[in-house]
Amino acid sequence: QVQLVESGGGLVQAGGSLRLSCAASATIFKINTMGWYRQAPGKQRELVATMTSSGSTNYADSVKGRFTISRDNAKNTVYLQMNSLKPEDTAVYYCYYKAFVAEWATYWGQGTQVTVSS
């Protein structure tokens, strides 16, 4: 069983930066996609950024040019660099992997709170 452990959330002023990390507990050899969702209070979970196994990336329009997804295969870790943060970025951020371990499945992190003050 693969566990994803997130870190890096916190409180930051508008215009500031944070980097989220999502470390997998084991090496995953077959990955379809990995990425980040977020959920703000009273709102549906929304896709923030994704990366395919080949390295192609995709971003929500609301974060394009401000957020960057990246990965370190040697550390089994995916990152989300968030710059020029806005109060509307406040949410719980969840990482995920769509991967094959014993079968194809989607694995989720526990979530990390990001709060941006105005």
PDB file of N, CA and C in Angstrom:
ATOM      1  N   GLN A   1       0.844  -1.182   0.000  1.00  0.00           N
ATOM      2  CA  GLN A   1       0.000   0.000   0.000  1.00  0.00           C
ATOM      3  C   GLN A   1       0.889   1.246   0.000  1.00  0.00           C
ATOM      4  N   VAL A   2       0.551   2.208  -0.824  1.00  0.00           N
ATOM      5  CA  VAL A   2       1.329   3.436  -0.924  1.00  0.00           C
ATOM      6  C   VAL A   2       0.659   4.516  -0.103  1.00  0.00           C
ATOM      7  N   GLN A   3       1.437   5.219   0.680  1.00  0.00           N
ATOM      8  CA  GLN A   3       0.933   6.387   1.406  1.00  0.00           C
ATOM      9  C   GLN A   3       1.598   7.644   0.873  1.00  0.00           C
ATOM     10  N   LEU A   4       0.825   8.709   0.805  1.00  0.00           N
ATOM     11  CA  LEU A   4       1.338  10.006   0.363  1.00  0.00           C
ATOM     12  C   LEU A   4       1.304  10.962   1.544  1.00  0.00           C
ATOM     13  N   VAL A   5       2.432  11.560   1.852  1.00  0.00           N
ATOM     14  CA  VAL A   5       2.541  12.466   2.988  1.00  0.00           C
ATOM     15  C   VAL A   5       2.837  13.865   2.473  1.00  0.00           C
ATOM     16  N   GLU A   6       1.942  14.787   2.791  1.00  0.00           N
ATOM     17  CA  GLU A   6       2.076  16.160   2.335  1.00  0.00           C
ATOM     18  C   GLU A   6       2.706  17.035   3.413  1.00  0.00           C
ATOM     19  N   SER A   7       3.377  18.074   2.963  1.00  0.00           N
ATOM     20  CA  SER A   7       3.929  19.067   3.871  1.00  0.00           C
ATOM     21  C   SER A   7       4.069  20.391   3.137  1.00  0.00           C
ATOM     22  N   GLY A   8       4.280  21.457   3.899  1.00  0.00           N
ATOM     23  CA  GLY A   8       4.569  22.749   3.298  1.00  0.00           C
ATOM     24  C   GLY A   8       3.464  23.769   3.362  1.00  0.00           C
ATOM     25  N   GLY A   9       2.286  23.385   3.829  1.00  0.00           N
ATOM     26  CA  GLY A   9       1.218  24.358   3.934  1.00  0.00           C
ATOM     27  C   GLY A   9       1.464  25.331   5.075  1.00  0.00           C
ATOM     28  N   GLY A  10       0.606  26.331   5.161  1.00  0.00           N
ATOM     29  CA  GLY A  10       0.742  27.305   6.237  1.00  0.00           C
ATOM     30  C   GLY A  10       0.016  28.586   5.935  1.00  0.00           C
ATOM     31  N   LEU A  11       0.357  29.604   6.718  1.00  0.00           N
ATOM     32  CA  LEU A  11      -0.248  30.925   6.583  1.00  0.00           C
ATOM     33  C   LEU A  11       0.753  31.862   5.925  1.00  0.00           C
ATOM     34  N   VAL A  12       0.300  32.567   4.903  1.00  0.00           N
ATOM     35  CA  VAL A  12       1.178  33.484   4.186  1.00  0.00           C
ATOM     36  C   VAL A  12       0.376  34.708   3.777  1.00  0.00           C
ATOM     37  N   GLN A  13       1.050  35.835   3.661  1.00  0.00           N
ATOM     38  CA  GLN A  13       0.362  37.049   3.206  1.00  0.00           C
ATOM     39  C   GLN A  13       0.202  37.023   1.695  1.00  0.00           C
ATOM     40  N   ALA A  14      -0.787  37.743   1.225  1.00  0.00           N
ATOM     41  CA  ALA A  14      -1.002  37.860  -0.219  1.00  0.00           C
ATOM     42  C   ALA A  14       0.280  38.350  -0.894  1.00  0.00           C
ATOM     43  N   GLY A  15       0.601  37.720  -2.023  1.00  0.00           N
ATOM     44  CA  GLY A  15       1.826  38.036  -2.735  1.00  0.00           C
ATOM     45  C   GLY A  15       2.988  37.147  -2.366  1.00  0.00           C
ATOM     46  N   GLY A  16       2.824  36.383  -1.308  1.00  0.00           N
ATOM     47  CA  GLY A  16       3.886  35.511  -0.852  1.00  0.00           C
ATOM     48  C   GLY A  16       3.925  34.188  -1.593  1.00  0.00           C
ATOM     49  N   SER A  17       4.809  33.308  -1.133  1.00  0.00           N
ATOM     50  CA  SER A  17       5.025  32.017  -1.794  1.00  0.00           C
ATOM     51  C   SER A  17       5.040  30.879  -0.776  1.00  0.00           C
ATOM     52  N   LEU A  18       4.651  29.720  -1.246  1.00  0.00           N
ATOM     53  CA  LEU A  18       4.769  28.480  -0.480  1.00  0.00           C
ATOM     54  C   LEU A  18       5.131  27.364  -1.451  1.00  0.00           C
ATOM     55  N   ARG A  19       5.801  26.333  -0.933  1.00  0.00           N
ATOM     56  CA  ARG A  19       6.041  25.140  -1.726  1.00  0.00           C
ATOM     57  C   ARG A  19       5.487  23.939  -0.985  1.00  0.00           C
ATOM     58  N   LEU A  20       4.568  23.258  -1.630  1.00  0.00           N
ATOM     59  CA  LEU A  20       4.003  22.039  -1.076  1.00  0.00           C
ATOM     60  C   LEU A  20       4.793  20.836  -1.581  1.00  0.00           C
ATOM     61  N   SER A  21       4.925  19.840  -0.717  1.00  0.00           N
ATOM     62  CA  SER A  21       5.593  18.596  -1.083  1.00  0.00           C
ATOM     63  C   SER A  21       4.665  17.422  -0.817  1.00  0.00           C
ATOM     64  N   CYS A  22       4.814  16.400  -1.627  1.00  0.00           N
ATOM     65  CA  CYS A  22       4.007  15.189  -1.478  1.00  0.00           C
ATOM     66  C   CYS A  22       4.934  14.007  -1.710  1.00  0.00           C
ATOM     67  N   ALA A  23       5.278  13.322  -0.632  1.00  0.00           N
ATOM     68  CA  ALA A  23       6.228  12.227  -0.704  1.00  0.00           C
ATOM     69  C   ALA A  23       5.506  10.891  -0.644  1.00  0.00           C
ATOM     70  N   ALA A  24       5.819  10.025  -1.580  1.00  0.00           N
ATOM     71  CA  ALA A  24       5.251   8.677  -1.576  1.00  0.00           C
ATOM     72  C   ALA A  24       6.101   7.770  -0.695  1.00  0.00           C
ATOM     73  N   SER A  25       5.425   6.850  -0.029  1.00  0.00           N
ATOM     74  CA  SER A  25       6.112   5.988   0.940  1.00  0.00           C
ATOM     75  C   SER A  25       6.930   4.896   0.283  1.00  0.00           C
ATOM     76  N   ALA A  26       6.711   4.709  -1.013  1.00  0.00           N
ATOM     77  CA  ALA A  26       7.439   3.667  -1.723  1.00  0.00           C
ATOM     78  C   ALA A  26       7.644   4.095  -3.166  1.00  0.00           C
ATOM     79  N   THR A  27       8.603   3.492  -3.793  1.00  0.00           N
ATOM     80  CA  THR A  27       8.832   3.783  -5.212  1.00  0.00           C
ATOM     81  C   THR A  27       7.689   3.237  -6.043  1.00  0.00           C
ATOM     82  N   ILE A  28       7.144   4.095  -6.849  1.00  0.00           N
ATOM     83  CA  ILE A  28       6.035   3.720  -7.730  1.00  0.00           C
ATOM     84  C   ILE A  28       6.573   3.679  -9.147  1.00  0.00           C
ATOM     85  N   PHE A  29       6.532   2.518  -9.742  1.00  0.00           N
ATOM     86  CA  PHE A  29       7.172   2.349 -11.043  1.00  0.00           C
ATOM     87  C   PHE A  29       6.254   2.674 -12.200  1.00  0.00           C
ATOM     88  N   LYS A  30       4.969   2.564 -11.992  1.00  0.00           N
ATOM     89  CA  LYS A  30       4.024   2.841 -13.066  1.00  0.00           C
ATOM     90  C   LYS A  30       3.098   3.955 -12.606  1.00  0.00           C
ATOM     91  N   ILE A  31       3.313   5.128 -13.167  1.00  0.00           N
ATOM     92  CA  ILE A  31       2.490   6.280 -12.821  1.00  0.00           C
ATOM     93  C   ILE A  31       1.798   6.779 -14.074  1.00  0.00           C
ATOM     94  N   ASN A  32       0.522   7.024 -13.960  1.00  0.00           N
ATOM     95  CA  ASN A  32      -0.226   7.611 -15.067  1.00  0.00           C
ATOM     96  C   ASN A  32      -0.130   9.122 -14.957  1.00  0.00           C
ATOM     97  N   THR A  33      -0.666   9.659 -13.884  1.00  0.00           N
ATOM     98  CA  THR A  33      -0.564  11.098 -13.629  1.00  0.00           C
ATOM     99  C   THR A  33      -0.398  11.334 -12.132  1.00  0.00           C
ATOM    100  N   MET A  34       0.072  12.509 -11.806  1.00  0.00           N
ATOM    101  CA  MET A  34       0.154  12.957 -10.412  1.00  0.00           C
ATOM    102  C   MET A  34      -0.245  14.421 -10.411  1.00  0.00           C
ATOM    103  N   GLY A  35      -0.626  14.901  -9.252  1.00  0.00           N
ATOM    104  CA  GLY A  35      -1.008  16.302  -9.257  1.00  0.00           C
ATOM    105  C   GLY A  35      -1.601  16.760  -7.946  1.00  0.00           C
ATOM    106  N   TRP A  36      -2.280  17.891  -8.051  1.00  0.00           N
ATOM    107  CA  TRP A  36      -2.826  18.557  -6.877  1.00  0.00           C
ATOM    108  C   TRP A  36      -4.246  19.033  -7.140  1.00  0.00           C
ATOM    109  N   TYR A  37      -5.097  18.818  -6.149  1.00  0.00           N
ATOM    110  CA  TYR A  37      -6.427  19.386  -6.093  1.00  0.00           C
ATOM    111  C   TYR A  37      -6.463  20.309  -4.878  1.00  0.00           C
ATOM    112  N   ARG A  38      -7.492  21.133  -4.829  1.00  0.00           N
ATOM    113  CA  ARG A  38      -7.741  21.928  -3.631  1.00  0.00           C
ATOM    114  C   ARG A  38      -9.233  22.048  -3.389  1.00  0.00           C
ATOM    115  N   GLN A  39      -9.565  22.278  -2.120  1.00  0.00           N
ATOM    116  CA  GLN A  39     -10.963  22.456  -1.750  1.00  0.00           C
ATOM    117  C   GLN A  39     -11.069  23.571  -0.724  1.00  0.00           C
ATOM    118  N   ALA A  40     -11.795  24.598  -1.097  1.00  0.00           N
ATOM    119  CA  ALA A  40     -12.050  25.714  -0.198  1.00  0.00           C
ATOM    120  C   ALA A  40     -13.356  25.462   0.554  1.00  0.00           C
ATOM    121  N   PRO A  41     -13.544  26.076   1.698  1.00  0.00           N
ATOM    122  CA  PRO A  41     -14.777  25.870   2.464  1.00  0.00           C
ATOM    123  C   PRO A  41     -16.014  26.191   1.643  1.00  0.00           C
ATOM    124  N   GLY A  42     -16.964  25.257   1.631  1.00  0.00           N
ATOM    125  CA  GLY A  42     -18.213  25.475   0.920  1.00  0.00           C
ATOM    126  C   GLY A  42     -18.118  25.323  -0.577  1.00  0.00           C
ATOM    127  N   LYS A  43     -16.956  24.912  -1.084  1.00  0.00           N
ATOM    128  CA  LYS A  43     -16.788  24.768  -2.532  1.00  0.00           C
ATOM    129  C   LYS A  43     -16.406  23.336  -2.878  1.00  0.00           C
ATOM    130  N   GLN A  44     -16.591  23.009  -4.154  1.00  0.00           N
ATOM    131  CA  GLN A  44     -16.208  21.683  -4.623  1.00  0.00           C
ATOM    132  C   GLN A  44     -14.696  21.605  -4.782  1.00  0.00           C
ATOM    133  N   ARG A  45     -14.187  20.376  -4.714  1.00  0.00           N
ATOM    134  CA  ARG A  45     -12.763  20.176  -4.951  1.00  0.00           C
ATOM    135  C   ARG A  45     -12.462  20.505  -6.405  1.00  0.00           C
ATOM    136  N   GLU A  46     -11.380  21.238  -6.634  1.00  0.00           N
ATOM    137  CA  GLU A  46     -11.019  21.603  -7.996  1.00  0.00           C
ATOM    138  C   GLU A  46      -9.588  21.193  -8.299  1.00  0.00           C
ATOM    139  N   LEU A  47      -9.368  20.861  -9.562  1.00  0.00           N
ATOM    140  CA  LEU A  47      -8.047  20.482 -10.014  1.00  0.00           C
ATOM    141  C   LEU A  47      -7.167  21.715 -10.112  1.00  0.00           C
ATOM    142  N   VAL A  48      -5.960  21.619  -9.568  1.00  0.00           N
ATOM    143  CA  VAL A  48      -5.033  22.745  -9.602  1.00  0.00           C
ATOM    144  C   VAL A  48      -3.959  22.522 -10.664  1.00  0.00           C
ATOM    145  N   ALA A  49      -3.287  21.382 -10.605  1.00  0.00           N
ATOM    146  CA  ALA A  49      -2.184  21.111 -11.532  1.00  0.00           C
ATOM    147  C   ALA A  49      -1.989  19.615 -11.657  1.00  0.00           C
ATOM    148  N   THR A  50      -1.596  19.189 -12.850  1.00  0.00           N
ATOM    149  CA  THR A  50      -1.305  17.781 -13.072  1.00  0.00           C
ATOM    150  C   THR A  50      -0.007  17.629 -13.858  1.00  0.00           C
ATOM    151  N   MET A  51       0.589  16.447 -13.728  1.00  0.00           N
ATOM    152  CA  MET A  51       1.768  16.105 -14.508  1.00  0.00           C
ATOM    153  C   MET A  51       1.652  14.649 -14.917  1.00  0.00           C
ATOM    154  N   THR A  52       1.890  14.366 -16.193  1.00  0.00           N
ATOM    155  CA  THR A  52       1.845  12.990 -16.655  1.00  0.00           C
ATOM    156  C   THR A  52       3.194  12.323 -16.433  1.00  0.00           C
ATOM    157  N   SER A  53       3.225  11.024 -16.686  1.00  0.00           N
ATOM    158  CA  SER A  53       4.481  10.288 -16.524  1.00  0.00           C
ATOM    159  C   SER A  53       5.555  10.784 -17.480  1.00  0.00           C
ATOM    160  N   SER A  54       5.149  11.369 -18.593  1.00  0.00           N
ATOM    161  CA  SER A  54       6.111  11.891 -19.563  1.00  0.00           C
ATOM    162  C   SER A  54       6.534  13.316 -19.245  1.00  0.00           C
ATOM    163  N   GLY A  55       5.908  13.907 -18.243  1.00  0.00           N
ATOM    164  CA  GLY A  55       6.290  15.249 -17.824  1.00  0.00           C
ATOM    165  C   GLY A  55       5.418  16.367 -18.334  1.00  0.00           C
ATOM    166  N   SER A  56       4.388  16.046 -19.083  1.00  0.00           N
ATOM    167  CA  SER A  56       3.463  17.082 -19.544  1.00  0.00           C
ATOM    168  C   SER A  56       2.668  17.626 -18.367  1.00  0.00           C
ATOM    169  N   THR A  57       2.467  18.926 -18.366  1.00  0.00           N
ATOM    170  CA  THR A  57       1.769  19.566 -17.258  1.00  0.00           C
ATOM    171  C   THR A  57       0.509  20.270 -17.728  1.00  0.00           C
ATOM    172  N   ASN A  58      -0.393  20.454 -16.784  1.00  0.00           N
ATOM    173  CA  ASN A  58      -1.638  21.162 -17.058  1.00  0.00           C
ATOM    174  C   ASN A  58      -2.025  21.899 -15.788  1.00  0.00           C
ATOM    175  N   TYR A  59      -2.559  23.112 -15.967  1.00  0.00           N
ATOM    176  CA  TYR A  59      -2.904  23.948 -14.824  1.00  0.00           C
ATOM    177  C   TYR A  59      -4.313  24.511 -14.960  1.00  0.00           C
ATOM    178  N   ALA A  60      -4.936  24.729 -13.826  1.00  0.00           N
ATOM    179  CA  ALA A  60      -6.186  25.469 -13.820  1.00  0.00           C
ATOM    180  C   ALA A  60      -5.899  26.894 -14.267  1.00  0.00           C
ATOM    181  N   ASP A  61      -6.853  27.485 -14.976  1.00  0.00           N
ATOM    182  CA  ASP A  61      -6.654  28.846 -15.470  1.00  0.00           C
ATOM    183  C   ASP A  61      -6.340  29.814 -14.329  1.00  0.00           C
ATOM    184  N   SER A  62      -6.926  29.569 -13.177  1.00  0.00           N
ATOM    185  CA  SER A  62      -6.779  30.492 -12.051  1.00  0.00           C
ATOM    186  C   SER A  62      -5.369  30.509 -11.466  1.00  0.00           C
ATOM    187  N   VAL A  63      -4.540  29.513 -11.795  1.00  0.00           N
ATOM    188  CA  VAL A  63      -3.198  29.455 -11.208  1.00  0.00           C
ATOM    189  C   VAL A  63      -2.095  29.522 -12.267  1.00  0.00           C
ATOM    190  N   LYS A  64      -2.463  29.537 -13.536  1.00  0.00           N
ATOM    191  CA  LYS A  64      -1.451  29.583 -14.597  1.00  0.00           C
ATOM    192  C   LYS A  64      -0.552  30.807 -14.437  1.00  0.00           C
ATOM    193  N   GLY A  65       0.738  30.551 -14.580  1.00  0.00           N
ATOM    194  CA  GLY A  65       1.706  31.632 -14.448  1.00  0.00           C
ATOM    195  C   GLY A  65       2.123  31.906 -13.012  1.00  0.00           C
ATOM    196  N   ARG A  66       1.431  31.306 -12.054  1.00  0.00           N
ATOM    197  CA  ARG A  66       1.767  31.524 -10.636  1.00  0.00           C
ATOM    198  C   ARG A  66       2.224  30.235  -9.948  1.00  0.00           C
ATOM    199  N   PHE A  67       1.641  29.119 -10.337  1.00  0.00           N
ATOM    200  CA  PHE A  67       1.960  27.824  -9.714  1.00  0.00           C
ATOM    201  C   PHE A  67       2.764  26.966 -10.689  1.00  0.00           C
ATOM    202  N   THR A  68       3.658  26.142 -10.133  1.00  0.00           N
ATOM    203  CA  THR A  68       4.447  25.224 -10.945  1.00  0.00           C
ATOM    204  C   THR A  68       4.499  23.862 -10.274  1.00  0.00           C
ATOM    205  N   ILE A  69       4.131  22.834 -11.024  1.00  0.00           N
ATOM    206  CA  ILE A  69       4.231  21.471 -10.525  1.00  0.00           C
ATOM    207  C   ILE A  69       5.546  20.873 -11.015  1.00  0.00           C
ATOM    208  N   SER A  70       6.188  20.107 -10.146  1.00  0.00           N
ATOM    209  CA  SER A  70       7.441  19.460 -10.521  1.00  0.00           C
ATOM    210  C   SER A  70       7.566  18.160  -9.731  1.00  0.00           C
ATOM    211  N   ARG A  71       8.568  17.371 -10.067  1.00  0.00           N
ATOM    212  CA  ARG A  71       8.735  16.110  -9.366  1.00  0.00           C
ATOM    213  C   ARG A  71      10.220  15.770  -9.241  1.00  0.00           C
ATOM    214  N   ASP A  72      10.512  14.963  -8.247  1.00  0.00           N
ATOM    215  CA  ASP A  72      11.842  14.417  -8.054  1.00  0.00           C
ATOM    216  C   ASP A  72      11.669  12.900  -7.957  1.00  0.00           C
ATOM    217  N   ASN A  73      11.966  12.205  -9.040  1.00  0.00           N
ATOM    218  CA  ASN A  73      11.733  10.761  -9.064  1.00  0.00           C
ATOM    219  C   ASN A  73      12.584  10.034  -8.036  1.00  0.00           C
ATOM    220  N   ALA A  74      13.792  10.525  -7.813  1.00  0.00           N
ATOM    221  CA  ALA A  74      14.683   9.861  -6.864  1.00  0.00           C
ATOM    222  C   ALA A  74      14.138   9.915  -5.441  1.00  0.00           C
ATOM    223  N   LYS A  75      13.355  10.954  -5.156  1.00  0.00           N
ATOM    224  CA  LYS A  75      12.780  11.117  -3.820  1.00  0.00           C
ATOM    225  C   LYS A  75      11.310  10.720  -3.771  1.00  0.00           C
ATOM    226  N   ASN A  76      10.795  10.221  -4.884  1.00  0.00           N
ATOM    227  CA  ASN A  76       9.367   9.841  -4.945  1.00  0.00           C
ATOM    228  C   ASN A  76       8.474  10.985  -4.475  1.00  0.00           C
ATOM    229  N   THR A  77       8.786  12.181  -4.927  1.00  0.00           N
ATOM    230  CA  THR A  77       8.105  13.371  -4.412  1.00  0.00           C
ATOM    231  C   THR A  77       7.633  14.259  -5.554  1.00  0.00           C
ATOM    232  N   VAL A  78       6.443  14.801  -5.391  1.00  0.00           N
ATOM    233  CA  VAL A  78       5.920  15.806  -6.317  1.00  0.00           C
ATOM    234  C   VAL A  78       5.749  17.101  -5.525  1.00  0.00           C
ATOM    235  N   TYR A  79       6.006  18.205  -6.184  1.00  0.00           N
ATOM    236  CA  TYR A  79       5.968  19.521  -5.544  1.00  0.00           C
ATOM    237  C   TYR A  79       4.958  20.434  -6.223  1.00  0.00           C
ATOM    238  N   LEU A  80       4.516  21.421  -5.483  1.00  0.00           N
ATOM    239  CA  LEU A  80       3.718  22.500  -6.056  1.00  0.00           C
ATOM    240  C   LEU A  80       4.281  23.807  -5.520  1.00  0.00           C
ATOM    241  N   GLN A  81       4.971  24.526  -6.395  1.00  0.00           N
ATOM    242  CA  GLN A  81       5.489  25.842  -6.049  1.00  0.00           C
ATOM    243  C   GLN A  81       4.406  26.862  -6.319  1.00  0.00           C
ATOM    244  N   MET A  82       4.043  27.622  -5.297  1.00  0.00           N
ATOM    245  CA  MET A  82       2.955  28.581  -5.410  1.00  0.00           C
ATOM    246  C   MET A  82       3.502  29.978  -5.144  1.00  0.00           C
ATOM    247  N   ASN A  83       3.458  30.812  -6.158  1.00  0.00           N
ATOM    248  CA  ASN A  83       3.936  32.192  -6.056  1.00  0.00           C
ATOM    249  C   ASN A  83       2.783  33.168  -6.239  1.00  0.00           C
ATOM    250  N   SER A  84       3.014  34.398  -5.850  1.00  0.00           N
ATOM    251  CA  SER A  84       2.004  35.451  -5.993  1.00  0.00           C
ATOM    252  C   SER A  84       0.654  34.990  -5.460  1.00  0.00           C
ATOM    253  N   LEU A  85       0.668  34.444  -4.285  1.00  0.00           N
ATOM    254  CA  LEU A  85      -0.554  33.875  -3.708  1.00  0.00           C
ATOM    255  C   LEU A  85      -1.598  34.944  -3.449  1.00  0.00           C
ATOM    256  N   LYS A  86      -2.842  34.537  -3.620  1.00  0.00           N
ATOM    257  CA  LYS A  86      -3.987  35.413  -3.433  1.00  0.00           C
ATOM    258  C   LYS A  86      -4.896  34.833  -2.343  1.00  0.00           C
ATOM    259  N   PRO A  87      -5.695  35.663  -1.699  1.00  0.00           N
ATOM    260  CA  PRO A  87      -6.621  35.129  -0.683  1.00  0.00           C
ATOM    261  C   PRO A  87      -7.531  34.027  -1.232  1.00  0.00           C
ATOM    262  N   GLU A  88      -7.887  34.111  -2.510  1.00  0.00           N
ATOM    263  CA  GLU A  88      -8.753  33.080  -3.093  1.00  0.00           C
ATOM    264  C   GLU A  88      -8.042  31.750  -3.305  1.00  0.00           C
ATOM    265  N   ASP A  89      -6.734  31.702  -3.069  1.00  0.00           N
ATOM    266  CA  ASP A  89      -6.014  30.429  -3.098  1.00  0.00           C
ATOM    267  C   ASP A  89      -6.152  29.663  -1.789  1.00  0.00           C
ATOM    268  N   THR A  90      -6.753  30.278  -0.791  1.00  0.00           N
ATOM    269  CA  THR A  90      -6.945  29.621   0.495  1.00  0.00           C
ATOM    270  C   THR A  90      -7.792  28.372   0.340  1.00  0.00           C
ATOM    271  N   ALA A  91      -7.260  27.251   0.788  1.00  0.00           N
ATOM    272  CA  ALA A  91      -7.947  25.962   0.635  1.00  0.00           C
ATOM    273  C   ALA A  91      -7.109  24.873   1.296  1.00  0.00           C
ATOM    274  N   VAL A  92      -7.696  23.691   1.378  1.00  0.00           N
ATOM    275  CA  VAL A  92      -6.917  22.494   1.707  1.00  0.00           C
ATOM    276  C   VAL A  92      -6.448  21.898   0.388  1.00  0.00           C
ATOM    277  N   TYR A  93      -5.163  21.648   0.299  1.00  0.00           N
ATOM    278  CA  TYR A  93      -4.567  21.126  -0.927  1.00  0.00           C
ATOM    279  C   TYR A  93      -4.265  19.641  -0.752  1.00  0.00           C
ATOM    280  N   TYR A  94      -4.674  18.862  -1.753  1.00  0.00           N
ATOM    281  CA  TYR A  94      -4.495  17.415  -1.732  1.00  0.00           C
ATOM    282  C   TYR A  94      -3.659  16.991  -2.931  1.00  0.00           C
ATOM    283  N   CYS A  95      -2.661  16.167  -2.683  1.00  0.00           N
ATOM    284  CA  CYS A  95      -1.923  15.592  -3.806  1.00  0.00           C
ATOM    285  C   CYS A  95      -2.509  14.222  -4.129  1.00  0.00           C
ATOM    286  N   TYR A  96      -2.234  13.761  -5.335  1.00  0.00           N
ATOM    287  CA  TYR A  96      -2.693  12.439  -5.730  1.00  0.00           C
ATOM    288  C   TYR A  96      -1.735  11.837  -6.743  1.00  0.00           C
ATOM    289  N   TYR A  97      -1.762  10.510  -6.791  1.00  0.00           N
ATOM    290  CA  TYR A  97      -1.075   9.750  -7.826  1.00  0.00           C
ATOM    291  C   TYR A  97      -2.080   8.776  -8.422  1.00  0.00           C
ATOM    292  N   LYS A  98      -2.157   8.703  -9.715  1.00  0.00           N
ATOM    293  CA  LYS A  98      -2.842   7.608 -10.392  1.00  0.00           C
ATOM    294  C   LYS A  98      -1.753   6.640 -10.803  1.00  0.00           C
ATOM    295  N   ALA A  99      -1.703   5.501 -10.126  1.00  0.00           N
ATOM    296  CA  ALA A  99      -0.539   4.642 -10.310  1.00  0.00           C
ATOM    297  C   ALA A  99      -0.915   3.172 -10.207  1.00  0.00           C
ATOM    298  N   PHE A 100       0.009   2.341 -10.698  1.00  0.00           N
ATOM    299  CA  PHE A 100      -0.168   0.898 -10.608  1.00  0.00           C
ATOM    300  C   PHE A 100       0.764   0.381  -9.535  1.00  0.00           C
ATOM    301  N   VAL A 101       0.189  -0.218  -8.487  1.00  0.00           N
ATOM    302  CA  VAL A 101       0.981  -0.924  -7.474  1.00  0.00           C
ATOM    303  C   VAL A 101       0.587  -2.396  -7.588  1.00  0.00           C
ATOM    304  N   ALA A 102      -0.468  -2.802  -6.940  1.00  0.00           N
ATOM    305  CA  ALA A 102      -1.022  -4.133  -7.191  1.00  0.00           C
ATOM    306  C   ALA A 102      -2.066  -4.068  -8.296  1.00  0.00           C
ATOM    307  N   GLU A 103      -2.629  -2.879  -8.484  1.00  0.00           N
ATOM    308  CA  GLU A 103      -3.618  -2.600  -9.520  1.00  0.00           C
ATOM    309  C   GLU A 103      -3.611  -1.096  -9.745  1.00  0.00           C
ATOM    310  N   TRP A 104      -4.248  -0.647 -10.814  1.00  0.00           N
ATOM    311  CA  TRP A 104      -4.353   0.790 -11.037  1.00  0.00           C
ATOM    312  C   TRP A 104      -5.296   1.387 -10.004  1.00  0.00           C
ATOM    313  N   ALA A 105      -4.862   2.438  -9.357  1.00  0.00           N
ATOM    314  CA  ALA A 105      -5.680   3.086  -8.344  1.00  0.00           C
ATOM    315  C   ALA A 105      -5.217   4.529  -8.181  1.00  0.00           C
ATOM    316  N   THR A 106      -6.065   5.312  -7.538  1.00  0.00           N
ATOM    317  CA  THR A 106      -5.710   6.693  -7.216  1.00  0.00           C
ATOM    318  C   THR A 106      -5.409   6.782  -5.725  1.00  0.00           C
ATOM    319  N   TYR A 107      -4.231   7.285  -5.421  1.00  0.00           N
ATOM    320  CA  TYR A 107      -3.800   7.444  -4.040  1.00  0.00           C
ATOM    321  C   TYR A 107      -3.825   8.927  -3.679  1.00  0.00           C
ATOM    322  N   TRP A 108      -4.237   9.228  -2.454  1.00  0.00           N
ATOM    323  CA  TRP A 108      -4.406  10.614  -2.018  1.00  0.00           C
ATOM    324  C   TRP A 108      -3.573  10.930  -0.788  1.00  0.00           C
ATOM    325  N   GLY A 109      -3.094  12.157  -0.737  1.00  0.00           N
ATOM    326  CA  GLY A 109      -2.471  12.654   0.472  1.00  0.00           C
ATOM    327  C   GLY A 109      -3.540  13.049   1.485  1.00  0.00           C
ATOM    328  N   GLN A 110      -3.092  13.405   2.687  1.00  0.00           N
ATOM    329  CA  GLN A 110      -4.020  13.707   3.777  1.00  0.00           C
ATOM    330  C   GLN A 110      -4.540  15.138   3.707  1.00  0.00           C
ATOM    331  N   GLY A 111      -3.938  15.948   2.876  1.00  0.00           N
ATOM    332  CA  GLY A 111      -4.347  17.340   2.757  1.00  0.00           C
ATOM    333  C   GLY A 111      -3.497  18.246   3.625  1.00  0.00           C
ATOM    334  N   THR A 112      -3.220  19.425   3.108  1.00  0.00           N
ATOM    335  CA  THR A 112      -2.485  20.427   3.875  1.00  0.00           C
ATOM    336  C   THR A 112      -3.154  21.786   3.673  1.00  0.00           C
ATOM    337  N   GLN A 113      -3.320  22.509   4.767  1.00  0.00           N
ATOM    338  CA  GLN A 113      -4.037  23.780   4.725  1.00  0.00           C
ATOM    339  C   GLN A 113      -3.114  24.901   4.236  1.00  0.00           C
ATOM    340  N   VAL A 114      -3.615  25.647   3.283  1.00  0.00           N
ATOM    341  CA  VAL A 114      -2.951  26.866   2.823  1.00  0.00           C
ATOM    342  C   VAL A 114      -3.896  28.030   3.080  1.00  0.00           C
ATOM    343  N   THR A 115      -3.435  29.002   3.836  1.00  0.00           N
ATOM    344  CA  THR A 115      -4.235  30.180   4.141  1.00  0.00           C
ATOM    345  C   THR A 115      -3.475  31.418   3.706  1.00  0.00           C
ATOM    346  N   VAL A 116      -4.121  32.218   2.860  1.00  0.00           N
ATOM    347  CA  VAL A 116      -3.503  33.443   2.350  1.00  0.00           C
ATOM    348  C   VAL A 116      -4.281  34.631   2.902  1.00  0.00           C
ATOM    349  N   SER A 117      -3.603  35.460   3.671  1.00  0.00           N
ATOM    350  CA  SER A 117      -4.258  36.621   4.277  1.00  0.00           C
ATOM    351  C   SER A 117      -4.108  37.842   3.363  1.00  0.00           C
ATOM    352  N   SER A 118      -5.102  38.701   3.422  1.00  0.00           N
ATOM    353  CA  SER A 118      -5.070  39.906   2.566  1.00  0.00           C
ATOM    354  C   SER A 118      -4.386  41.064   3.258  1.00  0.00           C
TER     355      SER A 118
END
